[in-house]
Amino acid sequence: MQVQIHTDHNIEGHEALADQVSGVVEAALSRFSDRITHVDVHLSDQNSDQKNGNDNMRCMIEARLEGHQPLAVTHHASTLNQSVDGAAEKVTHLIEHTLGRLEHQESHRTDPPLSRSV
């Protein structure tokens, strides 16, 4: 699973931040790592000019599951760490729900399986 971090011009995108965010995301999604091909994390400061706005830090995470459309979530919080943690939790729940639904659909199929010619 490849994790790529993107920041807006209001957030310093230094290596320590990238390592920390990657660690949080990888830990949250570790049990799905064999099914996820790529994760994009976008960090931004929505009210950088005001500096005192509530929930001005935004984290958007897009996870790409093998063979499926990308799944994306966004979380706003007062701090960058809180926004990353919240988005990681949301994307974990979304992936659990999506994979659970897909497995449920597969187990309840009524059409015969496709025959494979070798």
PDB file of N, CA and C in Angstrom:
ATOM      1  N   MET A   1       0.852  -1.171   0.000  1.00  0.00           N
ATOM      2  CA  MET A   1       0.000   0.000   0.000  1.00  0.00           C
ATOM      3  C   MET A   1       0.897   1.232   0.000  1.00  0.00           C
ATOM      4  N   GLN A   2       0.694   2.053  -0.987  1.00  0.00           N
ATOM      5  CA  GLN A   2       1.474   3.272  -1.119  1.00  0.00           C
ATOM      6  C   GLN A   2       0.663   4.450  -0.569  1.00  0.00           C
ATOM      7  N   VAL A   3       1.270   5.233   0.330  1.00  0.00           N
ATOM      8  CA  VAL A   3       0.602   6.400   0.910  1.00  0.00           C
ATOM      9  C   VAL A   3       1.323   7.646   0.424  1.00  0.00           C
ATOM     10  N   GLN A   4       0.573   8.562  -0.155  1.00  0.00           N
ATOM     11  CA  GLN A   4       1.149   9.807  -0.662  1.00  0.00           C
ATOM     12  C   GLN A   4       0.494  10.978   0.063  1.00  0.00           C
ATOM     13  N   ILE A   5       1.314  11.913   0.570  1.00  0.00           N
ATOM     14  CA  ILE A   5       0.838  13.045   1.343  1.00  0.00           C
ATOM     15  C   ILE A   5       0.931  14.312   0.494  1.00  0.00           C
ATOM     16  N   HIS A   6      -0.147  15.104   0.492  1.00  0.00           N
ATOM     17  CA  HIS A   6      -0.188  16.386  -0.219  1.00  0.00           C
ATOM     18  C   HIS A   6      -0.586  17.461   0.783  1.00  0.00           C
ATOM     19  N   THR A   7       0.065  18.620   0.730  1.00  0.00           N
ATOM     20  CA  THR A   7      -0.300  19.721   1.612  1.00  0.00           C
ATOM     21  C   THR A   7      -0.584  20.969   0.785  1.00  0.00           C
ATOM     22  N   ASP A   8      -1.415  21.854   1.340  1.00  0.00           N
ATOM     23  CA  ASP A   8      -1.643  23.121   0.653  1.00  0.00           C
ATOM     24  C   ASP A   8      -0.512  24.085   1.013  1.00  0.00           C
ATOM     25  N   HIS A   9      -0.566  25.282   0.477  1.00  0.00           N
ATOM     26  CA  HIS A   9       0.524  26.236   0.684  1.00  0.00           C
ATOM     27  C   HIS A   9       0.571  26.803   2.106  1.00  0.00           C
ATOM     28  N   ASN A  10      -0.419  26.511   2.940  1.00  0.00           N
ATOM     29  CA  ASN A  10      -0.453  27.004   4.314  1.00  0.00           C
ATOM     30  C   ASN A  10       0.128  26.021   5.325  1.00  0.00           C
ATOM     31  N   ILE A  11       0.472  24.831   4.879  1.00  0.00           N
ATOM     32  CA  ILE A  11       1.022  23.800   5.773  1.00  0.00           C
ATOM     33  C   ILE A  11       2.398  23.406   5.262  1.00  0.00           C
ATOM     34  N   GLU A  12       3.369  23.441   6.168  1.00  0.00           N
ATOM     35  CA  GLU A  12       4.713  23.021   5.785  1.00  0.00           C
ATOM     36  C   GLU A  12       4.737  21.510   5.626  1.00  0.00           C
ATOM     37  N   GLY A  13       5.037  21.054   4.433  1.00  0.00           N
ATOM     38  CA  GLY A  13       5.037  19.623   4.150  1.00  0.00           C
ATOM     39  C   GLY A  13       6.395  19.007   4.362  1.00  0.00           C
ATOM     40  N   HIS A  14       6.905  19.043   5.593  1.00  0.00           N
ATOM     41  CA  HIS A  14       8.223  18.493   5.874  1.00  0.00           C
ATOM     42  C   HIS A  14       8.149  16.980   6.092  1.00  0.00           C
ATOM     43  N   GLU A  15       9.313  16.379   6.088  1.00  0.00           N
ATOM     44  CA  GLU A  15       9.404  14.914   6.150  1.00  0.00           C
ATOM     45  C   GLU A  15       8.824  14.337   7.437  1.00  0.00           C
ATOM     46  N   ALA A  16       9.007  15.022   8.560  1.00  0.00           N
ATOM     47  CA  ALA A  16       8.479  14.521   9.834  1.00  0.00           C
ATOM     48  C   ALA A  16       6.953  14.454   9.795  1.00  0.00           C
ATOM     49  N   LEU A  17       6.320  15.453   9.203  1.00  0.00           N
ATOM     50  CA  LEU A  17       4.860  15.449   9.075  1.00  0.00           C
ATOM     51  C   LEU A  17       4.416  14.295   8.186  1.00  0.00           C
ATOM     52  N   ALA A  18       5.081  14.121   7.061  1.00  0.00           N
ATOM     53  CA  ALA A  18       4.735  13.038   6.134  1.00  0.00           C
ATOM     54  C   ALA A  18       4.889  11.678   6.810  1.00  0.00           C
ATOM     55  N   ASP A  19       5.952  11.503   7.587  1.00  0.00           N
ATOM     56  CA  ASP A  19       6.167  10.227   8.293  1.00  0.00           C
ATOM     57  C   ASP A  19       5.067   9.980   9.323  1.00  0.00           C
ATOM     58  N   GLN A  20       4.714  11.023  10.064  1.00  0.00           N
ATOM     59  CA  GLN A  20       3.685  10.881  11.093  1.00  0.00           C
ATOM     60  C   GLN A  20       2.332  10.540  10.468  1.00  0.00           C
ATOM     61  N   VAL A  21       1.944  11.279   9.430  1.00  0.00           N
ATOM     62  CA  VAL A  21       0.651  11.054   8.783  1.00  0.00           C
ATOM     63  C   VAL A  21       0.618   9.677   8.133  1.00  0.00           C
ATOM     64  N   SER A  22       1.687   9.305   7.454  1.00  0.00           N
ATOM     65  CA  SER A  22       1.757   7.968   6.839  1.00  0.00           C
ATOM     66  C   SER A  22       1.618   6.882   7.892  1.00  0.00           C
ATOM     67  N   GLY A  23       2.261   7.066   9.038  1.00  0.00           N
ATOM     68  CA  GLY A  23       2.181   6.081  10.110  1.00  0.00           C
ATOM     69  C   GLY A  23       0.765   5.907  10.622  1.00  0.00           C
ATOM     70  N   VAL A  24       0.048   7.015  10.812  1.00  0.00           N
ATOM     71  CA  VAL A  24      -1.340   6.959  11.286  1.00  0.00           C
ATOM     72  C   VAL A  24      -2.214   6.235  10.264  1.00  0.00           C
ATOM     73  N   VAL A  25      -2.077   6.608   9.000  1.00  0.00           N
ATOM     74  CA  VAL A  25      -2.911   6.026   7.944  1.00  0.00           C
ATOM     75  C   VAL A  25      -2.591   4.545   7.755  1.00  0.00           C
ATOM     76  N   GLU A  26      -1.314   4.199   7.716  1.00  0.00           N
ATOM     77  CA  GLU A  26      -0.931   2.800   7.538  1.00  0.00           C
ATOM     78  C   GLU A  26      -1.408   1.936   8.703  1.00  0.00           C
ATOM     79  N   ALA A  27      -1.314   2.455   9.926  1.00  0.00           N
ATOM     80  CA  ALA A  27      -1.781   1.701  11.089  1.00  0.00           C
ATOM     81  C   ALA A  27      -3.294   1.489  11.021  1.00  0.00           C
ATOM     82  N   ALA A  28      -4.031   2.533  10.639  1.00  0.00           N
ATOM     83  CA  ALA A  28      -5.492   2.435  10.579  1.00  0.00           C
ATOM     84  C   ALA A  28      -5.951   1.455   9.499  1.00  0.00           C
ATOM     85  N   LEU A  29      -5.217   1.405   8.392  1.00  0.00           N
ATOM     86  CA  LEU A  29      -5.648   0.589   7.251  1.00  0.00           C
ATOM     87  C   LEU A  29      -4.859  -0.706   7.102  1.00  0.00           C
ATOM     88  N   SER A  30      -4.055  -1.062   8.080  1.00  0.00           N
ATOM     89  CA  SER A  30      -3.156  -2.212   7.942  1.00  0.00           C
ATOM     90  C   SER A  30      -3.890  -3.512   7.626  1.00  0.00           C
ATOM     91  N   ARG A  31      -5.053  -3.730   8.210  1.00  0.00           N
ATOM     92  CA  ARG A  31      -5.737  -5.004   7.956  1.00  0.00           C
ATOM     93  C   ARG A  31      -6.323  -5.090   6.548  1.00  0.00           C
ATOM     94  N   PHE A  32      -6.365  -3.966   5.832  1.00  0.00           N
ATOM     95  CA  PHE A  32      -6.850  -3.955   4.451  1.00  0.00           C
ATOM     96  C   PHE A  32      -5.717  -3.780   3.448  1.00  0.00           C
ATOM     97  N   SER A  33      -4.474  -3.777   3.910  1.00  0.00           N
ATOM     98  CA  SER A  33      -3.341  -3.421   3.049  1.00  0.00           C
ATOM     99  C   SER A  33      -3.219  -4.296   1.808  1.00  0.00           C
ATOM    100  N   ASP A  34      -3.671  -5.553   1.885  1.00  0.00           N
ATOM    101  CA  ASP A  34      -3.593  -6.429   0.719  1.00  0.00           C
ATOM    102  C   ASP A  34      -4.648  -6.074  -0.333  1.00  0.00           C
ATOM    103  N   ARG A  35      -5.650  -5.276   0.029  1.00  0.00           N
ATOM    104  CA  ARG A  35      -6.724  -4.906  -0.899  1.00  0.00           C
ATOM    105  C   ARG A  35      -6.631  -3.460  -1.362  1.00  0.00           C
ATOM    106  N   ILE A  36      -5.757  -2.660  -0.719  1.00  0.00           N
ATOM    107  CA  ILE A  36      -5.603  -1.247  -1.063  1.00  0.00           C
ATOM    108  C   ILE A  36      -4.346  -1.078  -1.897  1.00  0.00           C
ATOM    109  N   THR A  37      -4.485  -0.411  -3.037  1.00  0.00           N
ATOM    110  CA  THR A  37      -3.328  -0.193  -3.897  1.00  0.00           C
ATOM    111  C   THR A  37      -2.653   1.140  -3.630  1.00  0.00           C
ATOM    112  N   HIS A  38      -3.442   2.162  -3.276  1.00  0.00           N
ATOM    113  CA  HIS A  38      -2.882   3.505  -3.144  1.00  0.00           C
ATOM    114  C   HIS A  38      -3.753   4.339  -2.213  1.00  0.00           C
ATOM    115  N   VAL A  39      -3.119   5.203  -1.428  1.00  0.00           N
ATOM    116  CA  VAL A  39      -3.845   6.116  -0.548  1.00  0.00           C
ATOM    117  C   VAL A  39      -3.280   7.515  -0.750  1.00  0.00           C
ATOM    118  N   ASP A  40      -4.149   8.473  -1.020  1.00  0.00           N
ATOM    119  CA  ASP A  40      -3.766   9.884  -1.108  1.00  0.00           C
ATOM    120  C   ASP A  40      -4.318  10.603   0.107  1.00  0.00           C
ATOM    121  N   VAL A  41      -3.471  11.394   0.765  1.00  0.00           N
ATOM    122  CA  VAL A  41      -3.888  12.194   1.917  1.00  0.00           C
ATOM    123  C   VAL A  41      -3.645  13.650   1.568  1.00  0.00           C
ATOM    124  N   HIS A  42      -4.695  14.456   1.638  1.00  0.00           N
ATOM    125  CA  HIS A  42      -4.605  15.887   1.349  1.00  0.00           C
ATOM    126  C   HIS A  42      -4.854  16.663   2.638  1.00  0.00           C
ATOM    127  N   LEU A  43      -3.871  17.478   3.038  1.00  0.00           N
ATOM    128  CA  LEU A  43      -3.970  18.276   4.257  1.00  0.00           C
ATOM    129  C   LEU A  43      -4.075  19.740   3.882  1.00  0.00           C
ATOM    130  N   SER A  44      -4.993  20.454   4.536  1.00  0.00           N
ATOM    131  CA  SER A  44      -5.120  21.882   4.247  1.00  0.00           C
ATOM    132  C   SER A  44      -5.593  22.645   5.471  1.00  0.00           C
ATOM    133  N   ASP A  45      -5.261  23.919   5.490  1.00  0.00           N
ATOM    134  CA  ASP A  45      -5.694  24.846   6.532  1.00  0.00           C
ATOM    135  C   ASP A  45      -6.736  25.748   5.884  1.00  0.00           C
ATOM    136  N   GLN A  46      -7.999  25.533   6.211  1.00  0.00           N
ATOM    137  CA  GLN A  46      -9.101  26.216   5.547  1.00  0.00           C
ATOM    138  C   GLN A  46      -9.223  27.690   5.904  1.00  0.00           C
ATOM    139  N   ASN A  47      -8.779  28.087   7.098  1.00  0.00           N
ATOM    140  CA  ASN A  47      -8.903  29.479   7.546  1.00  0.00           C
ATOM    141  C   ASN A  47      -7.544  30.040   7.935  1.00  0.00           C
ATOM    142  N   SER A  48      -6.555  29.849   7.112  1.00  0.00           N
ATOM    143  CA  SER A  48      -5.198  30.238   7.475  1.00  0.00           C
ATOM    144  C   SER A  48      -5.071  31.726   7.749  1.00  0.00           C
ATOM    145  N   ASP A  49      -5.894  32.542   7.127  1.00  0.00           N
ATOM    146  CA  ASP A  49      -5.802  33.982   7.327  1.00  0.00           C
ATOM    147  C   ASP A  49      -6.367  34.403   8.680  1.00  0.00           C
ATOM    148  N   GLN A  50      -7.256  33.610   9.283  1.00  0.00           N
ATOM    149  CA  GLN A  50      -7.873  33.982  10.548  1.00  0.00           C
ATOM    150  C   GLN A  50      -7.123  33.409  11.745  1.00  0.00           C
ATOM    151  N   LYS A  51      -6.516  32.253  11.608  1.00  0.00           N
ATOM    152  CA  LYS A  51      -5.708  31.578  12.623  1.00  0.00           C
ATOM    153  C   LYS A  51      -6.456  31.206  13.902  1.00  0.00           C
ATOM    154  N   ASN A  52      -7.708  31.582  14.042  1.00  0.00           N
ATOM    155  CA  ASN A  52      -8.400  31.239  15.274  1.00  0.00           C
ATOM    156  C   ASN A  52      -9.739  30.568  15.013  1.00  0.00           C
ATOM    157  N   GLY A  53      -9.990  30.156  13.790  1.00  0.00           N
ATOM    158  CA  GLY A  53     -11.256  29.506  13.472  1.00  0.00           C
ATOM    159  C   GLY A  53     -11.306  28.083  14.003  1.00  0.00           C
ATOM    160  N   ASN A  54     -12.490  27.658  14.406  1.00  0.00           N
ATOM    161  CA  ASN A  54     -12.668  26.280  14.856  1.00  0.00           C
ATOM    162  C   ASN A  54     -12.717  25.355  13.652  1.00  0.00           C
ATOM    163  N   ASP A  55     -12.182  24.178  13.823  1.00  0.00           N
ATOM    164  CA  ASP A  55     -12.219  23.146  12.790  1.00  0.00           C
ATOM    165  C   ASP A  55     -11.695  23.639  11.446  1.00  0.00           C
ATOM    166  N   ASN A  56     -10.582  24.359  11.479  1.00  0.00           N
ATOM    167  CA  ASN A  56     -10.043  24.897  10.242  1.00  0.00           C
ATOM    168  C   ASN A  56      -9.060  23.955   9.555  1.00  0.00           C
ATOM    169  N   MET A  57      -8.628  22.903  10.243  1.00  0.00           N
ATOM    170  CA  MET A  57      -7.721  21.943   9.614  1.00  0.00           C
ATOM    171  C   MET A  57      -8.547  20.850   8.942  1.00  0.00           C
ATOM    172  N   ARG A  58      -8.188  20.541   7.708  1.00  0.00           N
ATOM    173  CA  ARG A  58      -8.953  19.585   6.912  1.00  0.00           C
ATOM    174  C   ARG A  58      -8.030  18.474   6.437  1.00  0.00           C
ATOM    175  N   CYS A  59      -8.508  17.245   6.563  1.00  0.00           N
ATOM    176  CA  CYS A  59      -7.789  16.085   6.036  1.00  0.00           C
ATOM    177  C   CYS A  59      -8.752  15.306   5.151  1.00  0.00           C
ATOM    178  N   MET A  60      -8.362  15.098   3.921  1.00  0.00           N
ATOM    179  CA  MET A  60      -9.141  14.293   2.988  1.00  0.00           C
ATOM    180  C   MET A  60      -8.292  13.070   2.649  1.00  0.00           C
ATOM    181  N   ILE A  61      -8.866  11.887   2.811  1.00  0.00           N
ATOM    182  CA  ILE A  61      -8.164  10.642   2.489  1.00  0.00           C
ATOM    183  C   ILE A  61      -8.934   9.927   1.391  1.00  0.00           C
ATOM    184  N   GLU A  62      -8.212   9.557   0.348  1.00  0.00           N
ATOM    185  CA  GLU A  62      -8.790   8.775  -0.746  1.00  0.00           C
ATOM    186  C   GLU A  62      -8.041   7.449  -0.815  1.00  0.00           C
ATOM    187  N   ALA A  63      -8.776   6.361  -0.636  1.00  0.00           N
ATOM    188  CA  ALA A  63      -8.190   5.014  -0.685  1.00  0.00           C
ATOM    189  C   ALA A  63      -8.681   4.318  -1.948  1.00  0.00           C
ATOM    190  N   ARG A  64      -7.772   3.695  -2.639  1.00  0.00           N
ATOM    191  CA  ARG A  64      -8.118   2.964  -3.867  1.00  0.00           C
ATOM    192  C   ARG A  64      -8.050   1.467  -3.597  1.00  0.00           C
ATOM    193  N   LEU A  65      -9.231   0.851  -3.623  1.00  0.00           N
ATOM    194  CA  LEU A  65      -9.311  -0.595  -3.454  1.00  0.00           C
ATOM    195  C   LEU A  65      -9.113  -1.254  -4.807  1.00  0.00           C
ATOM    196  N   GLU A  66      -8.399  -2.345  -4.806  1.00  0.00           N
ATOM    197  CA  GLU A  66      -8.127  -3.078  -6.038  1.00  0.00           C
ATOM    198  C   GLU A  66      -9.429  -3.455  -6.739  1.00  0.00           C
ATOM    199  N   GLY A  67      -9.588  -3.017  -7.991  1.00  0.00           N
ATOM    200  CA  GLY A  67     -10.751  -3.380  -8.785  1.00  0.00           C
ATOM    201  C   GLY A  67     -12.014  -2.596  -8.478  1.00  0.00           C
ATOM    202  N   HIS A  68     -11.920  -1.525  -7.681  1.00  0.00           N
ATOM    203  CA  HIS A  68     -13.098  -0.749  -7.299  1.00  0.00           C
ATOM    204  C   HIS A  68     -12.835   0.746  -7.445  1.00  0.00           C
ATOM    205  N   GLN A  69     -13.896   1.513  -7.413  1.00  0.00           N
ATOM    206  CA  GLN A  69     -13.785   2.965  -7.444  1.00  0.00           C
ATOM    207  C   GLN A  69     -13.111   3.448  -6.155  1.00  0.00           C
ATOM    208  N   PRO A  70     -12.382   4.570  -6.222  1.00  0.00           N
ATOM    209  CA  PRO A  70     -11.761   5.111  -5.007  1.00  0.00           C
ATOM    210  C   PRO A  70     -12.816   5.502  -3.972  1.00  0.00           C
ATOM    211  N   LEU A  71     -12.460   5.380  -2.703  1.00  0.00           N
ATOM    212  CA  LEU A  71     -13.313   5.787  -1.594  1.00  0.00           C
ATOM    213  C   LEU A  71     -12.665   7.000  -0.939  1.00  0.00           C
ATOM    214  N   ALA A  72     -13.445   8.043  -0.654  1.00  0.00           N
ATOM    215  CA  ALA A  72     -12.875   9.261  -0.084  1.00  0.00           C
ATOM    216  C   ALA A  72     -13.695   9.745   1.100  1.00  0.00           C
ATOM    217  N   VAL A  73     -12.989  10.290   2.092  1.00  0.00           N
ATOM    218  CA  VAL A  73     -13.621  10.895   3.265  1.00  0.00           C
ATOM    219  C   VAL A  73     -12.895  12.196   3.583  1.00  0.00           C
ATOM    220  N   THR A  74     -13.581  13.063   4.308  1.00  0.00           N
ATOM    221  CA  THR A  74     -12.998  14.326   4.751  1.00  0.00           C
ATOM    222  C   THR A  74     -13.335  14.524   6.221  1.00  0.00           C
ATOM    223  N   HIS A  75     -12.369  15.068   6.964  1.00  0.00           N
ATOM    224  CA  HIS A  75     -12.620  15.377   8.371  1.00  0.00           C
ATOM    225  C   HIS A  75     -12.007  16.734   8.691  1.00  0.00           C
ATOM    226  N   HIS A  76     -12.791  17.583   9.360  1.00  0.00           N
ATOM    227  CA  HIS A  76     -12.333  18.897   9.809  1.00  0.00           C
ATOM    228  C   HIS A  76     -12.135  18.846  11.316  1.00  0.00           C
ATOM    229  N   ALA A  77     -11.073  19.492  11.813  1.00  0.00           N
ATOM    230  CA  ALA A  77     -10.812  19.529  13.248  1.00  0.00           C
ATOM    231  C   ALA A  77      -9.982  20.773  13.584  1.00  0.00           C
ATOM    232  N   SER A  78      -9.776  20.986  14.860  1.00  0.00           N
ATOM    233  CA  SER A  78      -9.018  22.149  15.327  1.00  0.00           C
ATOM    234  C   SER A  78      -7.517  22.007  15.073  1.00  0.00           C
ATOM    235  N   THR A  79      -7.022  20.774  15.104  1.00  0.00           N
ATOM    236  CA  THR A  79      -5.596  20.548  14.875  1.00  0.00           C
ATOM    237  C   THR A  79      -5.401  19.584  13.710  1.00  0.00           C
ATOM    238  N   LEU A  80      -4.221  19.625  13.158  1.00  0.00           N
ATOM    239  CA  LEU A  80      -3.891  18.731  12.045  1.00  0.00           C
ATOM    240  C   LEU A  80      -3.948  17.272  12.492  1.00  0.00           C
ATOM    241  N   ASN A  81      -3.405  16.978  13.687  1.00  0.00           N
ATOM    242  CA  ASN A  81      -3.426  15.599  14.189  1.00  0.00           C
ATOM    243  C   ASN A  81      -4.850  15.084  14.345  1.00  0.00           C
ATOM    244  N   GLN A  82      -5.737  15.917  14.882  1.00  0.00           N
ATOM    245  CA  GLN A  82      -7.127  15.505  15.059  1.00  0.00           C
ATOM    246  C   GLN A  82      -7.809  15.267  13.714  1.00  0.00           C
ATOM    247  N   SER A  83      -7.490  16.093  12.731  1.00  0.00           N
ATOM    248  CA  SER A  83      -8.124  15.919  11.418  1.00  0.00           C
ATOM    249  C   SER A  83      -7.647  14.632  10.755  1.00  0.00           C
ATOM    250  N   VAL A  84      -6.367  14.302  10.903  1.00  0.00           N
ATOM    251  CA  VAL A  84      -5.828  13.059  10.329  1.00  0.00           C
ATOM    252  C   VAL A  84      -6.436  11.849  11.033  1.00  0.00           C
ATOM    253  N   ASP A  85      -6.473  11.895  12.373  1.00  0.00           N
ATOM    254  CA  ASP A  85      -7.052  10.783  13.133  1.00  0.00           C
ATOM    255  C   ASP A  85      -8.519  10.566  12.766  1.00  0.00           C
ATOM    256  N   GLY A  86      -9.279  11.654  12.667  1.00  0.00           N
ATOM    257  CA  GLY A  86     -10.700  11.553  12.330  1.00  0.00           C
ATOM    258  C   GLY A  86     -10.928  11.001  10.935  1.00  0.00           C
ATOM    259  N   ALA A  87     -10.132  11.474   9.972  1.00  0.00           N
ATOM    260  CA  ALA A  87     -10.273  10.988   8.598  1.00  0.00           C
ATOM    261  C   ALA A  87      -9.851   9.522   8.496  1.00  0.00           C
ATOM    262  N   ALA A  88      -8.802   9.128   9.218  1.00  0.00           N
ATOM    263  CA  ALA A  88      -8.351   7.732   9.204  1.00  0.00           C
ATOM    264  C   ALA A  88      -9.438   6.822   9.769  1.00  0.00           C
ATOM    265  N   GLU A  89     -10.098   7.276  10.829  1.00  0.00           N
ATOM    266  CA  GLU A  89     -11.186   6.490  11.414  1.00  0.00           C
ATOM    267  C   GLU A  89     -12.361   6.381  10.435  1.00  0.00           C
ATOM    268  N   LYS A  90     -12.697   7.482   9.790  1.00  0.00           N
ATOM    269  CA  LYS A  90     -13.810   7.473   8.831  1.00  0.00           C
ATOM    270  C   LYS A  90     -13.525   6.552   7.647  1.00  0.00           C
ATOM    271  N   VAL A  91     -12.320   6.623   7.097  1.00  0.00           N
ATOM    272  CA  VAL A  91     -12.019   5.803   5.918  1.00  0.00           C
ATOM    273  C   VAL A  91     -11.968   4.324   6.297  1.00  0.00           C
ATOM    274  N   THR A  92     -11.530   4.021   7.510  1.00  0.00           N
ATOM    275  CA  THR A  92     -11.536   2.632   7.978  1.00  0.00           C
ATOM    276  C   THR A  92     -12.961   2.092   8.018  1.00  0.00           C
ATOM    277  N   HIS A  93     -13.886   2.875   8.590  1.00  0.00           N
ATOM    278  CA  HIS A  93     -15.293   2.449   8.648  1.00  0.00           C
ATOM    279  C   HIS A  93     -15.896   2.323   7.254  1.00  0.00           C
ATOM    280  N   LEU A  94     -15.553   3.249   6.367  1.00  0.00           N
ATOM    281  CA  LEU A  94     -16.085   3.197   5.000  1.00  0.00           C
ATOM    282  C   LEU A  94     -15.597   1.941   4.272  1.00  0.00           C
ATOM    283  N   ILE A  95     -14.334   1.601   4.430  1.00  0.00           N
ATOM    284  CA  ILE A  95     -13.792   0.401   3.783  1.00  0.00           C
ATOM    285  C   ILE A  95     -14.426  -0.853   4.373  1.00  0.00           C
ATOM    286  N   GLU A  96     -14.564  -0.897   5.697  1.00  0.00           N
ATOM    287  CA  GLU A  96     -15.230  -2.046   6.333  1.00  0.00           C
ATOM    288  C   GLU A  96     -16.632  -2.224   5.770  1.00  0.00           C
ATOM    289  N   HIS A  97     -17.372  -1.140   5.689  1.00  0.00           N
ATOM    290  CA  HIS A  97     -18.746  -1.184   5.184  1.00  0.00           C
ATOM    291  C   HIS A  97     -18.774  -1.631   3.718  1.00  0.00           C
ATOM    292  N   THR A  98     -17.909  -1.061   2.921  1.00  0.00           N
ATOM    293  CA  THR A  98     -17.874  -1.383   1.486  1.00  0.00           C
ATOM    294  C   THR A  98     -17.510  -2.842   1.258  1.00  0.00           C
ATOM    295  N   LEU A  99     -16.472  -3.327   1.919  1.00  0.00           N
ATOM    296  CA  LEU A  99     -16.060  -4.722   1.734  1.00  0.00           C
ATOM    297  C   LEU A  99     -17.110  -5.680   2.290  1.00  0.00           C
ATOM    298  N   GLY A 100     -17.724  -5.317   3.404  1.00  0.00           N
ATOM    299  CA  GLY A 100     -18.791  -6.141   3.959  1.00  0.00           C
ATOM    300  C   GLY A 100     -19.967  -6.252   3.017  1.00  0.00           C
ATOM    301  N   ARG A 101     -20.338  -5.137   2.399  1.00  0.00           N
ATOM    302  CA  ARG A 101     -21.445  -5.138   1.443  1.00  0.00           C
ATOM    303  C   ARG A 101     -21.101  -5.984   0.219  1.00  0.00           C
ATOM    304  N   LEU A 102     -19.878  -5.865  -0.272  1.00  0.00           N
ATOM    305  CA  LEU A 102     -19.467  -6.653  -1.437  1.00  0.00           C
ATOM    306  C   LEU A 102     -19.460  -8.150  -1.125  1.00  0.00           C
ATOM    307  N   GLU A 103     -18.969  -8.504   0.053  1.00  0.00           N
ATOM    308  CA  GLU A 103     -18.961  -9.918   0.441  1.00  0.00           C
ATOM    309  C   GLU A 103     -20.377 -10.449   0.618  1.00  0.00           C
ATOM    310  N   HIS A 104     -21.261  -9.622   1.159  1.00  0.00           N
ATOM    311  CA  HIS A 104     -22.662 -10.011   1.325  1.00  0.00           C
ATOM    312  C   HIS A 104     -23.309 -10.246  -0.043  1.00  0.00           C
ATOM    313  N   GLN A 105     -23.051  -9.364  -0.991  1.00  0.00           N
ATOM    314  CA  GLN A 105     -23.617  -9.522  -2.334  1.00  0.00           C
ATOM    315  C   GLN A 105     -23.098 -10.791  -2.996  1.00  0.00           C
ATOM    316  N   GLU A 106     -21.817 -11.075  -2.833  1.00  0.00           N
ATOM    317  CA  GLU A 106     -21.242 -12.282  -3.422  1.00  0.00           C
ATOM    318  C   GLU A 106     -21.857 -13.542  -2.822  1.00  0.00           C
ATOM    319  N   SER A 107     -22.095 -13.530  -1.524  1.00  0.00           N
ATOM    320  CA  SER A 107     -22.622 -14.730  -0.875  1.00  0.00           C
ATOM    321  C   SER A 107     -24.107 -14.953  -1.174  1.00  0.00           C
ATOM    322  N   HIS A 108     -24.793 -13.957  -1.666  1.00  0.00           N
ATOM    323  CA  HIS A 108     -26.221 -14.082  -1.949  1.00  0.00           C
ATOM    324  C   HIS A 108     -26.550 -14.059  -3.445  1.00  0.00           C
ATOM    325  N   ARG A 109     -25.569 -14.338  -4.260  1.00  0.00           N
ATOM    326  CA  ARG A 109     -25.808 -14.376  -5.706  1.00  0.00           C
ATOM    327  C   ARG A 109     -26.651 -15.590  -6.050  1.00  0.00           C
ATOM    328  N   THR A 110     -27.565 -15.393  -6.982  1.00  0.00           N
ATOM    329  CA  THR A 110     -28.415 -16.511  -7.403  1.00  0.00           C
ATOM    330  C   THR A 110     -28.051 -17.009  -8.792  1.00  0.00           C
ATOM    331  N   ASP A 111     -27.284 -16.232  -9.537  1.00  0.00           N
ATOM    332  CA  ASP A 111     -26.890 -16.678 -10.865  1.00  0.00           C
ATOM    333  C   ASP A 111     -25.723 -17.661 -10.743  1.00  0.00           C
ATOM    334  N   PRO A 112     -25.589 -18.571 -11.697  1.00  0.00           N
ATOM    335  CA  PRO A 112     -24.494 -19.546 -11.612  1.00  0.00           C
ATOM    336  C   PRO A 112     -23.139 -18.831 -11.817  1.00  0.00           C
ATOM    337  N   PRO A 113     -22.106 -19.339 -11.199  1.00  0.00           N
ATOM    338  CA  PRO A 113     -20.783 -18.720 -11.375  1.00  0.00           C
ATOM    339  C   PRO A 113     -20.333 -18.869 -12.816  1.00  0.00           C
ATOM    340  N   LEU A 114     -19.530 -17.927 -13.252  1.00  0.00           N
ATOM    341  CA  LEU A 114     -18.987 -17.983 -14.604  1.00  0.00           C
ATOM    342  C   LEU A 114     -18.055 -19.159 -14.723  1.00  0.00           C
ATOM    343  N   SER A 115     -18.176 -19.910 -15.809  1.00  0.00           N
ATOM    344  CA  SER A 115     -17.280 -21.040 -16.002  1.00  0.00           C
ATOM    345  C   SER A 115     -15.969 -20.508 -16.568  1.00  0.00           C
ATOM    346  N   ARG A 116     -14.897 -21.086 -16.111  1.00  0.00           N
ATOM    347  CA  ARG A 116     -13.582 -20.663 -16.565  1.00  0.00           C
ATOM    348  C   ARG A 116     -13.022 -21.694 -17.520  1.00  0.00           C
ATOM    349  N   SER A 117     -12.640 -21.246 -18.691  1.00  0.00           N
ATOM    350  CA  SER A 117     -11.983 -22.179 -19.618  1.00  0.00           C
ATOM    351  C   SER A 117     -10.490 -22.048 -19.465  1.00  0.00           C
ATOM    352  N   VAL A 118      -9.860 -23.193 -19.402  1.00  0.00           N
ATOM    353  CA  VAL A 118      -8.419 -23.210 -19.181  1.00  0.00           C
ATOM    354  C   VAL A 118      -7.700 -23.565 -20.424  1.00  0.00           C
TER     355      VAL A 118
END
